[in-house]
Amino acid sequence: MSPRENGSEEEPVIRDNRKIDPETGQVRDSAGDAPEGAPGDPGTQTAAAPAEGSATDLLAERTADLQRLQAEFSNYRKRVERDRIAVREQSVASVLTELLPVLDDIGRARDHGELTGGFAKVSESLEAAVGKLGLTAYGAKGDPFDPTVHEALLHSYSAEVTEPTCVEILQPGYRINERILRAARVAVAEPSEETATEETAAGSGESGGPDEN
């Protein structure tokens, strides 16, 4: 006699786990067969809460990392642009500095009336080109002497000035924007000692009271 016949072994249990009922064609309700830890299980919800918090923290951390990288890239781009402009200005200044003696020759030729014909047109084109690059000349007779932009080659006293004054421009100065490429070389005149004494005395007389009779 077999074990099944004498009842010594239980018959196998067969469960139909199909989600669609083959007879009715309807979706079966699997809530009753949900295993432990299914979404409807309170224990599973409790375990899912820390996981959601961990994901939020991770998202915040990654967002902060992205913002920091974006700020670093923005600073790097600004630094590269600033360095590029500085290198360009330095290169232009180096080229223009080499052309200053040529501009001096053109100026002397103009002062002596020798700037004529084709040479005049070439010089005008050159001056226009360096002007587009930002080069400007400065220094005029009668300007107050400024040691930051003038180089005094000659010094004298004069009764016609009331402060140190550029009375002759021996060589014009050149600048690019606010950068001095070459200081203007000038002859400077200061008020004579007699003039300074007279001005001091005049100032004292004006500040004094009326004469007593």
Protein backbone atom coordinates (compact mmCIF):
# COMPACT_ATOMS: atom_id res chain seq x y z
CA MET A 1 0.00 0.00 0.00
CA SER A 2 1.29 3.41 -0.90
CA PRO A 3 1.81 6.19 1.67
CA ARG A 4 -0.99 8.23 0.11
CA GLU A 5 -3.41 5.31 0.53
CA ASN A 6 -2.75 4.75 4.20
CA GLY A 7 -2.76 8.51 4.97
CA SER A 8 0.83 8.69 6.18
CA GLU A 9 1.65 11.64 3.87
CA GLU A 10 -0.41 14.79 3.27
CA GLU A 11 -1.52 15.56 -0.23
CA PRO A 12 0.38 18.44 -1.93
CA VAL A 13 -1.33 21.83 -1.87
CA ILE A 14 -1.43 23.61 -5.21
CA ARG A 15 -1.96 27.38 -5.19
CA ASP A 16 -3.03 29.25 -8.27
CA ASN A 17 -1.00 32.50 -8.22
CA ARG A 18 -2.27 33.73 -11.54
CA LYS A 19 -3.49 37.33 -11.34
CA ILE A 20 -6.21 36.73 -13.95
CA ASP A 21 -8.91 34.21 -13.19
CA PRO A 22 -8.94 31.85 -16.21
CA GLU A 23 -12.65 31.17 -15.77
CA THR A 24 -14.03 34.71 -15.25
CA GLY A 25 -11.26 36.75 -16.84
CA GLN A 26 -11.30 39.16 -13.86
CA VAL A 27 -8.30 40.43 -11.93
CA ARG A 28 -7.97 38.52 -8.71
CA ASP A 29 -7.80 40.32 -5.36
CA SER A 30 -4.32 39.53 -4.09
CA ALA A 31 -4.62 41.54 -0.87
CA GLY A 32 -5.40 38.45 1.10
CA ASP A 33 -2.44 36.60 -0.30
CA ALA A 34 -0.01 39.50 0.15
CA PRO A 35 3.20 38.25 1.74
CA GLU A 36 4.69 39.75 4.82
CA GLY A 37 6.27 43.08 4.07
CA ALA A 38 3.78 43.98 1.28
CA PRO A 39 2.91 47.66 0.73
CA GLY A 40 -0.19 47.32 2.87
CA ASP A 41 1.84 46.01 5.78
CA PRO A 42 2.47 48.67 8.50
CA GLY A 43 5.89 47.18 9.12
CA THR A 44 6.88 47.82 5.54
CA GLN A 45 5.70 51.45 5.72
CA THR A 46 7.80 52.01 8.84
CA ALA A 47 10.86 50.61 7.08
CA ALA A 48 10.21 52.74 3.98
CA ALA A 49 10.17 56.02 5.94
CA PRO A 50 13.93 56.05 6.72
CA ALA A 51 14.67 55.11 3.12
CA GLU A 52 12.71 58.12 1.85
CA GLY A 53 14.54 60.41 4.31
CA SER A 54 17.88 59.05 3.16
CA ALA A 55 16.97 59.74 -0.47
CA THR A 56 16.00 63.34 0.40
CA ASP A 57 19.31 63.90 2.17
CA LEU A 58 21.19 62.42 -0.77
CA LEU A 59 19.33 64.68 -3.20
CA ALA A 60 20.13 67.76 -1.08
CA GLU A 61 23.80 66.76 -0.95
CA ARG A 62 24.02 66.24 -4.71
CA THR A 63 22.24 69.57 -5.31
CA ALA A 64 24.74 71.37 -3.08
CA ASP A 65 27.62 69.69 -4.94
CA LEU A 66 26.16 70.80 -8.27
CA GLN A 67 25.75 74.39 -7.08
CA ARG A 68 29.32 74.46 -5.80
CA LEU A 69 30.66 73.12 -9.10
CA GLN A 70 28.62 75.70 -11.00
CA ALA A 71 30.02 78.53 -8.85
CA GLU A 72 33.58 77.25 -9.31
CA PHE A 73 33.11 77.04 -13.08
CA SER A 74 31.68 80.58 -13.18
CA ASN A 75 34.67 81.92 -11.22
CA TYR A 76 37.06 80.01 -13.49
CA ARG A 77 35.41 81.44 -16.61
CA LYS A 78 35.65 85.00 -15.24
CA ARG A 79 39.31 84.48 -14.31
CA VAL A 80 40.13 83.13 -17.77
CA GLU A 81 38.37 86.07 -19.42
CA ARG A 82 40.22 88.54 -17.17
CA ASP A 83 43.55 86.91 -17.95
CA ARG A 84 42.76 86.91 -21.67
CA ILE A 85 42.04 90.65 -21.63
CA ALA A 86 45.22 91.33 -19.63
CA VAL A 87 47.34 89.31 -22.08
CA ARG A 88 45.78 91.12 -25.03
CA GLU A 89 46.41 94.55 -23.48
CA GLN A 90 49.99 93.59 -22.68
CA SER A 91 50.57 92.40 -26.24
CA VAL A 92 49.08 95.56 -27.74
CA ALA A 93 51.13 97.73 -25.37
CA SER A 94 54.34 95.93 -26.35
CA VAL A 95 53.71 96.48 -30.06
CA LEU A 96 52.75 100.15 -29.61
CA THR A 97 55.81 100.80 -27.45
CA GLU A 98 58.00 99.67 -30.37
CA LEU A 99 56.16 102.10 -32.66
CA LEU A 100 56.67 105.18 -30.46
CA PRO A 101 60.03 106.15 -32.07
CA VAL A 102 58.31 106.02 -35.48
CA LEU A 103 55.58 108.32 -34.20
CA ASP A 104 58.26 110.66 -32.83
CA ASP A 105 59.88 110.84 -36.28
CA ILE A 106 56.50 111.59 -37.84
CA GLY A 107 55.94 114.38 -35.33
CA ARG A 108 59.34 115.97 -36.00
CA ALA A 109 58.76 115.76 -39.74
CA ARG A 110 55.41 117.48 -39.30
CA ASP A 111 56.97 120.25 -37.19
CA HIS A 112 59.57 120.92 -39.91
CA GLY A 113 57.05 120.87 -42.75
CA GLU A 114 58.48 117.70 -44.26
CA LEU A 115 55.30 115.64 -43.94
CA THR A 116 54.11 115.84 -47.55
CA GLY A 117 53.06 113.61 -50.41
CA GLY A 118 52.72 109.87 -49.99
CA PHE A 119 54.61 109.95 -46.70
CA ALA A 120 51.87 112.14 -45.24
CA LYS A 121 49.18 109.64 -46.20
CA VAL A 122 51.17 106.74 -44.74
CA SER A 123 51.72 108.61 -41.48
CA GLU A 124 48.03 109.49 -41.23
CA SER A 125 47.07 105.85 -41.76
CA LEU A 126 49.54 104.73 -39.09
CA GLU A 127 48.31 107.30 -36.58
CA ALA A 128 44.70 106.28 -37.26
CA ALA A 129 45.57 102.60 -36.77
CA VAL A 130 47.29 103.10 -33.43
CA GLY A 131 44.44 105.38 -32.37
CA LYS A 132 41.96 102.53 -32.93
CA LEU A 133 44.10 100.39 -30.61
CA GLY A 134 43.59 102.99 -27.86
CA LEU A 135 46.88 104.92 -28.11
CA THR A 136 46.60 108.63 -27.37
CA ALA A 137 49.26 111.34 -27.09
CA TYR A 138 49.26 113.88 -24.29
CA GLY A 139 51.29 116.83 -23.11
CA ALA A 140 50.82 120.48 -24.06
CA LYS A 141 52.66 123.68 -23.30
CA GLY A 142 51.18 125.33 -20.23
CA ASP A 143 50.02 122.12 -18.53
CA PRO A 144 50.64 122.00 -14.76
CA PHE A 145 53.59 119.77 -14.04
CA ASP A 146 52.52 116.35 -12.73
CA PRO A 147 55.39 114.01 -11.81
CA THR A 148 53.15 110.97 -12.28
CA VAL A 149 52.72 111.68 -16.02
CA HIS A 150 55.59 114.08 -16.80
CA GLU A 151 59.35 113.62 -16.82
CA ALA A 152 61.21 116.87 -16.23
CA LEU A 153 64.36 117.13 -18.35
CA LEU A 154 64.92 120.89 -17.92
CA HIS A 155 64.21 123.15 -14.98
CA SER A 156 64.04 126.92 -14.71
CA TYR A 157 62.38 129.80 -12.85
CA SER A 158 59.94 132.23 -14.40
CA ALA A 159 57.93 135.21 -13.24
CA GLU A 160 55.18 134.25 -15.68
CA VAL A 161 54.06 131.14 -13.81
CA THR A 162 52.47 130.73 -10.41
CA GLU A 163 53.07 126.98 -10.07
CA PRO A 164 55.38 124.38 -11.61
CA THR A 165 54.37 124.45 -15.27
CA CYS A 166 55.38 122.64 -18.44
CA VAL A 167 56.78 125.43 -20.60
CA GLU A 168 58.10 123.16 -23.36
CA ILE A 169 57.12 119.67 -24.54
CA LEU A 170 60.37 118.02 -25.56
CA GLN A 171 58.72 114.68 -26.32
CA PRO A 172 55.01 113.87 -26.10
CA GLY A 173 53.72 111.25 -23.76
CA TYR A 174 51.57 108.30 -24.77
CA ARG A 175 48.96 106.28 -22.88
CA ILE A 176 46.52 103.45 -23.49
CA ASN A 177 43.35 104.28 -21.61
CA GLU A 178 44.74 105.03 -18.13
CA ARG A 179 48.01 103.15 -18.59
CA ILE A 180 51.08 105.31 -19.26
CA LEU A 181 53.30 103.86 -21.98
CA ARG A 182 55.76 106.74 -21.89
CA ALA A 183 55.77 109.84 -19.72
CA ALA A 184 55.84 113.19 -21.50
CA ARG A 185 59.32 114.70 -21.37
CA VAL A 186 59.09 118.39 -20.60
CA ALA A 187 60.88 121.53 -19.53
CA VAL A 188 59.49 122.81 -16.24
CA ALA A 189 59.45 126.36 -14.94
CA GLU A 190 58.73 127.31 -11.34
CA PRO A 191 57.86 130.72 -9.90
CA SER A 192 60.98 132.75 -9.15
CA GLU A 193 61.87 133.44 -5.53
CA GLU A 194 61.11 137.16 -6.00
CA THR A 195 57.69 136.38 -7.40
CA ALA A 196 56.94 133.98 -4.58
CA THR A 197 58.04 136.61 -2.03
CA GLU A 198 55.89 139.29 -3.64
CA GLU A 199 52.85 137.00 -3.71
CA THR A 200 53.38 136.13 -0.04
CA ALA A 201 53.68 139.80 0.90
CA ALA A 202 50.59 140.69 -1.14
CA GLY A 203 48.65 137.97 0.56
CA SER A 204 49.74 139.21 4.00
CA GLY A 205 48.71 142.79 3.12
CA GLU A 206 45.27 141.69 1.98
CA SER A 207 44.68 139.68 5.13
CA GLY A 208 45.77 142.56 7.44
CA GLY A 209 43.45 145.23 8.85
CA PRO A 210 43.16 148.85 7.66
CA ASP A 211 46.03 151.29 8.33
CA GLU A 212 45.69 153.50 11.41
CA ASN A 213 45.74 157.31 10.83
